[in-house]
Amino acid sequence: MIFKKSPLVNARRPSLNPEARGRIAKQGATVRPCAQLFVKAEIVRFSPAFAQFYVSTLRRTDKATQLAWSRLGPGSVFVDLGANVGAVSHAARKMGAEVHSVEPNPWAFSRLRERSWGDSLWHTHQFAVADRDGEARMFLHERHEEDPFGFSSGATLVRSKPNAGSGFVTVVLRDLAQFIRDIGRVDFMKMDVEGLECSLIPHLVQELDWNLVGFVAVETHDTAKWPELKVQAISMRETVASAGLESKVSWNWV
């Protein structure tokens, strides 16, 4: 197999040419998750957008997350909760995965839908995930009026978020456990839901068959800046640990 040069020119890359990979195999050593990712990167044609995603996000995650990401490919399913304009979803599609992007913010969703247009394996959903079906107020970033698209990622259903403004839009809620059951199987789920993770994760532990889920990468928040989340965040982690699901959940998505 001939490995072609990847366009990830600005990223720090492990030295893993075909000769080195052969030596590793003969020695019986295990290739690090990040190196496994780049072996795949040498085979798949990546875009500049993926390079940006790697530099800004993926290389800052833990090894378990990188390993789970490296396993994405044709036939796998990626769910992006809090997809915003689709940067992470786009990267997952470049890996070959079928993608479900969930984004309630109408400004961000318009860009997300444009980005995914015409791709039959990239599904977009305009609702917020929750522990129930219904409707709720989504509070916009306090600087929303300055740039509705630029500050769209700061919108939240949790009113106590420090940078939440008084403006809001009403959004549809969808029970996350049922949404996953409807999909059938999820290999990798990214959760970036601006504080709502503290109620969503315990809900999934209680209601979901975790054989349906391969790995969940959760963005958590600095409780020093958002003290109202401290007790809930501790409880969330304890719930996962008590259920024996620690190997399936990472808390350091960025």
Protein backbone atom coordinates (compact mmCIF):
# COMPACT_ATOMS: atom_id res chain seq x y z
CA MET A 1 0.00 0.00 0.00
CA ILE A 2 1.31 3.44 -0.89
CA PHE A 3 0.68 6.16 1.68
CA LYS A 4 0.13 9.57 0.16
CA LYS A 5 1.11 12.78 1.80
CA SER A 6 -1.64 14.33 3.91
CA PRO A 7 -2.52 18.04 3.58
CA LEU A 8 -2.32 18.49 7.37
CA VAL A 9 0.73 20.66 6.94
CA ASN A 10 0.26 22.79 10.05
CA ALA A 11 -0.41 19.93 12.45
CA ARG A 12 2.20 18.13 14.52
CA ARG A 13 2.44 14.68 12.98
CA PRO A 14 3.96 11.51 14.38
CA SER A 15 6.76 10.08 12.28
CA LEU A 16 4.98 7.08 10.81
CA ASN A 17 6.15 6.26 7.31
CA PRO A 18 5.58 2.77 5.83
CA GLU A 19 9.03 1.53 6.90
CA ALA A 20 8.50 2.70 10.49
CA ARG A 21 5.06 1.14 10.57
CA GLY A 22 6.58 -2.16 9.41
CA ARG A 23 9.16 -2.06 12.18
CA ILE A 24 6.43 -1.39 14.74
CA ALA A 25 4.43 -4.37 13.48
CA LYS A 26 7.47 -6.71 13.64
CA GLN A 27 8.20 -5.62 17.21
CA GLY A 28 4.62 -6.35 18.20
CA ALA A 29 4.21 -2.84 19.60
CA THR A 30 0.92 -0.99 19.84
CA VAL A 31 0.50 2.13 17.71
CA ARG A 32 -0.67 5.09 19.79
CA PRO A 33 -4.26 6.30 19.13
CA CYS A 34 -3.04 9.55 17.58
CA ALA A 35 -0.72 7.59 15.30
CA GLN A 36 -3.58 5.30 14.34
CA LEU A 37 -5.56 8.37 13.38
CA PHE A 38 -2.76 9.53 11.10
CA VAL A 39 -2.38 6.12 9.48
CA LYS A 40 -6.01 6.57 8.46
CA ALA A 41 -5.32 10.18 7.47
CA GLU A 42 -2.71 8.93 5.00
CA ILE A 43 -5.32 6.79 3.26
CA VAL A 44 -8.37 9.07 3.27
CA ARG A 45 -8.39 12.34 1.34
CA PHE A 46 -8.78 15.09 3.96
CA SER A 47 -9.74 18.71 3.43
CA PRO A 48 -8.27 21.93 4.83
CA ALA A 49 -11.37 22.10 7.07
CA PHE A 50 -10.39 18.77 8.60
CA ALA A 51 -6.86 20.03 9.16
CA GLN A 52 -8.29 23.00 11.06
CA PHE A 53 -10.50 20.68 13.12
CA TYR A 54 -7.51 18.54 14.06
CA VAL A 55 -5.36 21.50 15.08
CA SER A 56 -8.07 23.30 17.05
CA THR A 57 -9.86 20.34 18.61
CA LEU A 58 -8.92 16.70 18.17
CA ARG A 59 -5.27 16.86 19.19
CA ARG A 60 -6.36 18.46 22.49
CA THR A 61 -8.54 15.50 23.48
CA ASP A 62 -7.49 12.44 25.48
CA LYS A 63 -6.24 9.15 24.03
CA ALA A 64 -9.56 7.37 24.50
CA THR A 65 -11.32 10.02 22.41
CA GLN A 66 -8.66 9.94 19.70
CA LEU A 67 -8.87 6.16 19.53
CA ALA A 68 -12.66 6.20 19.24
CA TRP A 69 -12.42 8.87 16.54
CA SER A 70 -9.82 6.87 14.60
CA ARG A 71 -12.31 3.99 14.34
CA LEU A 72 -14.84 6.08 12.43
CA GLY A 73 -15.25 5.04 8.83
CA PRO A 74 -17.74 3.78 6.26
CA GLY A 75 -20.56 1.97 8.04
CA SER A 76 -20.08 3.77 11.36
CA VAL A 77 -22.48 6.34 12.82
CA PHE A 78 -21.51 9.69 14.37
CA VAL A 79 -23.98 11.87 16.31
CA ASP A 80 -23.09 15.53 16.81
CA LEU A 81 -25.11 17.13 19.61
CA GLY A 82 -24.65 20.87 19.47
CA ALA A 83 -23.33 20.73 15.92
CA ASN A 84 -23.43 24.51 15.42
CA VAL A 85 -22.36 25.17 11.80
CA GLY A 86 -21.02 21.64 11.29
CA ALA A 87 -17.24 21.75 11.65
CA VAL A 88 -17.02 18.52 13.65
CA SER A 89 -19.75 16.85 11.60
CA HIS A 90 -17.82 17.68 8.43
CA ALA A 91 -14.70 16.06 9.86
CA ALA A 92 -16.67 12.92 10.75
CA ARG A 93 -18.02 12.73 7.19
CA LYS A 94 -14.46 13.00 5.90
CA MET A 95 -13.71 9.90 7.99
CA GLY A 96 -16.51 8.16 6.08
CA ALA A 97 -19.08 7.98 8.88
CA GLU A 98 -22.80 8.55 8.50
CA VAL A 99 -23.57 11.70 10.48
CA HIS A 100 -26.55 13.01 12.43
CA SER A 101 -26.08 16.71 13.30
CA VAL A 102 -28.38 18.18 15.94
CA GLU A 103 -28.58 21.97 16.30
CA PRO A 104 -31.49 24.02 17.72
CA ASN A 105 -30.10 27.50 17.07
CA PRO A 106 -31.85 28.78 13.90
CA TRP A 107 -28.91 30.95 12.79
CA ALA A 108 -26.37 28.15 13.14
CA PHE A 109 -28.76 25.59 11.66
CA SER A 110 -29.14 27.59 8.46
CA ARG A 111 -25.38 27.36 7.89
CA LEU A 112 -25.33 23.70 8.91
CA ARG A 113 -28.05 22.82 6.41
CA GLU A 114 -26.21 24.65 3.61
CA ARG A 115 -23.02 22.78 4.44
CA SER A 116 -24.65 19.34 4.40
CA TRP A 117 -26.87 19.97 1.36
CA GLY A 118 -26.82 17.12 -1.15
CA ASP A 119 -25.03 14.63 1.12
CA SER A 120 -27.36 11.67 1.70
CA LEU A 121 -25.28 10.42 4.64
CA TRP A 122 -25.29 13.73 6.51
CA HIS A 123 -28.60 14.21 8.32
CA THR A 124 -29.46 17.49 10.02
CA HIS A 125 -32.00 17.87 12.85
CA GLN A 126 -33.27 21.21 14.12
CA PHE A 127 -34.20 20.54 17.73
CA ALA A 128 -32.58 20.49 21.17
CA VAL A 129 -31.94 17.19 22.91
CA ALA A 130 -33.36 16.83 26.41
CA ASP A 131 -34.71 14.26 28.86
CA ARG A 132 -38.21 14.67 27.40
CA ASP A 133 -40.09 15.77 24.31
CA GLY A 134 -41.64 19.25 24.27
CA GLU A 135 -40.57 22.87 23.89
CA ALA A 136 -38.30 25.21 25.84
CA ARG A 137 -36.69 28.62 25.73
CA MET A 138 -33.18 28.74 24.36
CA PHE A 139 -31.38 31.79 25.73
CA LEU A 140 -29.12 33.57 23.27
CA HIS A 141 -25.60 34.77 23.99
CA GLU A 142 -25.49 38.21 25.62
CA ARG A 143 -23.68 39.54 22.51
CA HIS A 144 -26.01 37.83 20.05
CA GLU A 145 -27.13 41.10 18.43
CA GLU A 146 -23.53 41.93 17.48
CA ASP A 147 -23.10 38.73 15.45
CA PRO A 148 -25.92 36.14 15.49
CA PHE A 149 -23.77 33.58 13.67
CA GLY A 150 -20.51 34.20 15.53
CA PHE A 151 -22.13 33.93 18.96
CA SER A 152 -24.57 31.15 18.06
CA SER A 153 -22.50 28.49 19.86
CA GLY A 154 -23.08 30.26 23.18
CA ALA A 155 -26.86 29.78 23.18
CA THR A 156 -28.16 27.56 25.98
CA LEU A 157 -31.27 26.05 27.53
CA VAL A 158 -29.75 26.56 30.99
CA ARG A 159 -30.70 30.06 32.17
CA SER A 160 -27.90 30.27 34.76
CA LYS A 161 -25.11 30.21 32.15
CA PRO A 162 -22.92 33.26 32.84
CA ASN A 163 -22.94 34.68 29.30
CA ALA A 164 -26.61 33.99 28.57
CA GLY A 165 -28.57 37.11 27.66
CA SER A 166 -32.22 37.95 28.21
CA GLY A 167 -33.15 37.25 24.58
CA PHE A 168 -34.46 33.83 23.70
CA VAL A 169 -36.14 31.73 21.03
CA THR A 170 -38.48 28.82 21.62
CA VAL A 171 -37.10 25.50 20.35
CA VAL A 172 -38.40 21.96 20.00
CA LEU A 173 -37.12 19.37 22.49
CA ARG A 174 -36.49 15.74 21.63
CA ASP A 175 -35.86 12.95 24.14
CA LEU A 176 -32.23 12.00 23.52
CA ALA A 177 -32.61 8.39 24.64
CA GLN A 178 -35.44 7.86 22.18
CA PHE A 179 -33.54 9.64 19.42
CA ILE A 180 -30.64 7.24 19.83
CA ARG A 181 -32.99 4.25 19.86
CA ASP A 182 -34.55 5.52 16.63
CA ILE A 183 -31.11 5.72 14.97
CA GLY A 184 -30.39 2.19 16.16
CA ARG A 185 -26.65 2.36 16.88
CA VAL A 186 -24.17 5.16 17.55
CA ASP A 187 -20.43 4.56 17.36
CA PHE A 188 -19.34 8.03 18.51
CA MET A 189 -21.45 10.78 20.06
CA LYS A 190 -20.11 14.27 20.68
CA MET A 191 -22.05 16.25 23.27
CA ASP A 192 -21.57 20.04 23.37
CA VAL A 193 -24.84 21.27 24.87
CA GLU A 194 -23.85 24.23 27.04
CA GLY A 195 -24.59 22.90 30.52
CA LEU A 196 -27.43 20.54 29.65
CA GLU A 197 -25.04 17.58 29.82
CA CYS A 198 -25.55 17.47 33.60
CA SER A 199 -29.13 16.32 33.11
CA LEU A 200 -28.69 14.47 29.80
CA ILE A 201 -25.99 12.02 30.89
CA PRO A 202 -27.90 10.74 33.97
CA HIS A 203 -30.99 10.45 31.77
CA LEU A 204 -29.09 8.28 29.30
CA VAL A 205 -27.64 6.12 32.07
CA GLN A 206 -31.12 5.45 33.37
CA GLU A 207 -33.08 5.11 30.12
CA LEU A 208 -30.71 3.85 27.42
CA ASP A 209 -29.33 0.45 26.51
CA TRP A 210 -25.64 1.34 26.35
CA ASN A 211 -24.95 -1.52 23.99
CA LEU A 212 -26.26 0.92 21.39
CA VAL A 213 -23.48 3.43 22.11
CA GLY A 214 -19.79 3.00 21.43
CA PHE A 215 -18.30 6.18 22.88
CA VAL A 216 -19.45 9.58 24.16
CA ALA A 217 -17.21 12.67 24.26
CA VAL A 218 -18.67 15.36 26.49
CA GLU A 219 -17.74 19.03 26.71
CA THR A 220 -17.85 20.03 30.37
CA HIS A 221 -17.67 23.53 31.81
CA ASP A 222 -15.46 25.34 34.27
CA THR A 223 -17.53 25.23 37.45
CA ALA A 224 -15.44 28.06 38.92
CA LYS A 225 -16.98 30.31 36.25
CA TRP A 226 -20.35 28.55 36.41
CA PRO A 227 -20.73 27.55 40.10
CA GLU A 228 -24.38 26.54 39.69
CA LEU A 229 -23.18 23.47 37.78
CA LYS A 230 -20.72 22.20 40.39
CA VAL A 231 -22.98 19.83 42.34
CA GLN A 232 -24.69 18.60 39.16
CA ALA A 233 -21.36 17.98 37.42
CA ILE A 234 -20.07 15.89 40.34
CA SER A 235 -23.31 13.92 40.44
CA MET A 236 -23.15 13.33 36.67
CA ARG A 237 -19.67 11.80 36.87
CA GLU A 238 -20.59 9.67 39.88
CA THR A 239 -23.64 8.36 38.02
CA VAL A 240 -21.47 7.23 35.10
CA ALA A 241 -18.92 5.62 37.42
CA SER A 242 -21.58 3.80 39.44
CA ALA A 243 -23.04 2.37 36.22
CA GLY A 244 -19.62 1.06 35.14
CA LEU A 245 -19.62 3.22 32.01
CA GLU A 246 -16.39 5.16 32.56
CA SER A 247 -14.66 3.47 29.61
CA LYS A 248 -17.39 4.75 27.28
CA VAL A 249 -17.39 8.40 28.35
CA SER A 250 -14.75 11.11 28.10
CA TRP A 251 -15.15 14.49 29.80
CA ASN A 252 -12.59 16.55 27.93
CA TRP A 253 -14.11 17.41 24.54
CA VAL A 254 -13.10 20.99 23.77
